[in-house]
Amino acid sequence: MNKETIQKDIDDLIDIRTDFYDFLDANIPKEKSGFVYDFSSNPTLDAKSVYELFHKLDYRARKLRGYLVKTYDLKA
């Protein structure tokens, strides 16, 4: 595993995380402070869309973790 591959995976992870938060921002209102999602209105989200975004994020994170554990002989 080389540095460029790891950097690309980290960049992809950050992009996917941004997509996930963009989805939340578009579908869940925030409290007056503007920092915390307001779940009190109990919005209905498209579960399939949430899962697809989370799965991409989770997959990339697990892939990256596997590289790091293997490369640095970390405990899994």
C-alpha atoms as a PDB file:
ATOM      1  CA  MET A   1       0.000   0.000   0.000  1.00  0.00           C
ATOM      2  CA  ASN A   2       1.522   3.282  -1.023  1.00  0.00           C
ATOM      3  CA  LYS A   3       0.981   6.792   0.277  1.00  0.00           C
ATOM      4  CA  GLU A   4      -0.903   7.934  -2.827  1.00  0.00           C
ATOM      5  CA  THR A   5      -3.454   5.113  -2.563  1.00  0.00           C
ATOM      6  CA  ILE A   6      -4.051   5.810   1.116  1.00  0.00           C
ATOM      7  CA  GLN A   7      -4.400   9.542   0.437  1.00  0.00           C
ATOM      8  CA  LYS A   8      -6.938   8.843  -2.330  1.00  0.00           C
ATOM      9  CA  ASP A   9      -8.961   6.607  -0.005  1.00  0.00           C
ATOM     10  CA  ILE A  10      -8.904   9.284   2.699  1.00  0.00           C
ATOM     11  CA  ASP A  11     -10.031  11.902   0.159  1.00  0.00           C
ATOM     12  CA  ASP A  12     -12.830   9.573  -1.002  1.00  0.00           C
ATOM     13  CA  LEU A  13     -13.884   9.015   2.605  1.00  0.00           C
ATOM     14  CA  ILE A  14     -14.078  12.765   3.204  1.00  0.00           C
ATOM     15  CA  ASP A  15     -16.093  13.246  -0.022  1.00  0.00           C
ATOM     16  CA  ILE A  16     -18.560  10.527   0.988  1.00  0.00           C
ATOM     17  CA  ARG A  17     -18.862  12.031   4.483  1.00  0.00           C
ATOM     18  CA  THR A  18     -19.628  15.405   2.880  1.00  0.00           C
ATOM     19  CA  ASP A  19     -22.316  13.772   0.701  1.00  0.00           C
ATOM     20  CA  PHE A  20     -23.839  12.184   3.814  1.00  0.00           C
ATOM     21  CA  TYR A  21     -24.020  15.516   5.660  1.00  0.00           C
ATOM     22  CA  ASP A  22     -25.341  17.274   2.550  1.00  0.00           C
ATOM     23  CA  PHE A  23     -28.153  14.721   2.468  1.00  0.00           C
ATOM     24  CA  LEU A  24     -28.947  15.309   6.134  1.00  0.00           C
ATOM     25  CA  ASP A  25     -28.822  19.083   5.647  1.00  0.00           C
ATOM     26  CA  ALA A  26     -31.266  18.839   2.760  1.00  0.00           C
ATOM     27  CA  ASN A  27     -33.702  16.618   4.643  1.00  0.00           C
ATOM     28  CA  ILE A  28     -33.577  17.518   8.339  1.00  0.00           C
ATOM     29  CA  PRO A  29     -34.097  21.019   9.686  1.00  0.00           C
ATOM     30  CA  LYS A  30     -31.666  22.405  12.244  1.00  0.00           C
ATOM     31  CA  GLU A  31     -32.396  23.984  15.582  1.00  0.00           C
ATOM     32  CA  LYS A  32     -32.282  27.769  15.859  1.00  0.00           C
ATOM     33  CA  SER A  33     -28.568  27.644  16.698  1.00  0.00           C
ATOM     34  CA  GLY A  34     -27.972  26.240  13.215  1.00  0.00           C
ATOM     35  CA  PHE A  35     -25.575  23.573  14.470  1.00  0.00           C
ATOM     36  CA  VAL A  36     -27.776  20.752  15.740  1.00  0.00           C
ATOM     37  CA  TYR A  37     -30.309  18.775  13.713  1.00  0.00           C
ATOM     38  CA  ASP A  38     -33.857  19.176  14.971  1.00  0.00           C
ATOM     39  CA  PHE A  39     -35.321  15.698  15.102  1.00  0.00           C
ATOM     40  CA  SER A  40     -38.345  16.862  17.105  1.00  0.00           C
ATOM     41  CA  SER A  41     -40.380  17.335  13.950  1.00  0.00           C
ATOM     42  CA  ASN A  42     -39.733  13.640  13.268  1.00  0.00           C
ATOM     43  CA  PRO A  43     -38.958  13.949   9.554  1.00  0.00           C
ATOM     44  CA  THR A  44     -39.415  10.928   7.378  1.00  0.00           C
ATOM     45  CA  LEU A  45     -36.242  10.054   5.523  1.00  0.00           C
ATOM     46  CA  ASP A  46     -35.846   7.723   2.596  1.00  0.00           C
ATOM     47  CA  ALA A  47     -34.273   4.750   4.377  1.00  0.00           C
ATOM     48  CA  LYS A  48     -32.751   3.377   1.174  1.00  0.00           C
ATOM     49  CA  SER A  49     -30.945   6.668   0.484  1.00  0.00           C
ATOM     50  CA  VAL A  50     -29.662   6.864   4.059  1.00  0.00           C
ATOM     51  CA  TYR A  51     -28.434   3.269   3.887  1.00  0.00           C
ATOM     52  CA  GLU A  52     -26.707   3.768   0.526  1.00  0.00           C
ATOM     53  CA  LEU A  53     -24.823   6.809   1.804  1.00  0.00           C
ATOM     54  CA  PHE A  54     -23.919   5.153   5.103  1.00  0.00           C
ATOM     55  CA  HIS A  55     -22.809   1.952   3.368  1.00  0.00           C
ATOM     56  CA  LYS A  56     -20.411   3.903   1.118  1.00  0.00           C
ATOM     57  CA  LEU A  57     -18.986   5.693   4.138  1.00  0.00           C
ATOM     58  CA  ASP A  58     -18.694   2.527   6.207  1.00  0.00           C
ATOM     59  CA  TYR A  59     -17.144   0.512   3.365  1.00  0.00           C
ATOM     60  CA  ARG A  60     -14.470   3.122   2.695  1.00  0.00           C
ATOM     61  CA  ALA A  61     -13.651   3.438   6.404  1.00  0.00           C
ATOM     62  CA  ARG A  62     -13.361  -0.352   6.829  1.00  0.00           C
ATOM     63  CA  LYS A  63     -11.197  -0.612   3.707  1.00  0.00           C
ATOM     64  CA  LEU A  64      -8.877   2.102   4.976  1.00  0.00           C
ATOM     65  CA  ARG A  65      -8.765   0.527   8.435  1.00  0.00           C
ATOM     66  CA  GLY A  66      -7.758  -2.785   6.861  1.00  0.00           C
ATOM     67  CA  TYR A  67      -4.836  -1.129   5.078  1.00  0.00           C
ATOM     68  CA  LEU A  68      -3.658   0.551   8.252  1.00  0.00           C
ATOM     69  CA  VAL A  69      -4.008  -2.534  10.444  1.00  0.00           C
ATOM     70  CA  LYS A  70      -2.101  -4.641   7.924  1.00  0.00           C
ATOM     71  CA  THR A  71       0.562  -2.010   7.189  1.00  0.00           C
ATOM     72  CA  TYR A  72       1.278  -1.063  10.794  1.00  0.00           C
ATOM     73  CA  ASP A  73       0.552  -4.463  12.341  1.00  0.00           C
ATOM     74  CA  LEU A  74      -2.156  -2.998  14.552  1.00  0.00           C
ATOM     75  CA  LYS A  75      -4.576  -5.138  16.506  1.00  0.00           C
ATOM     76  CA  ALA A  76      -7.839  -5.540  14.575  1.00  0.00           C
END
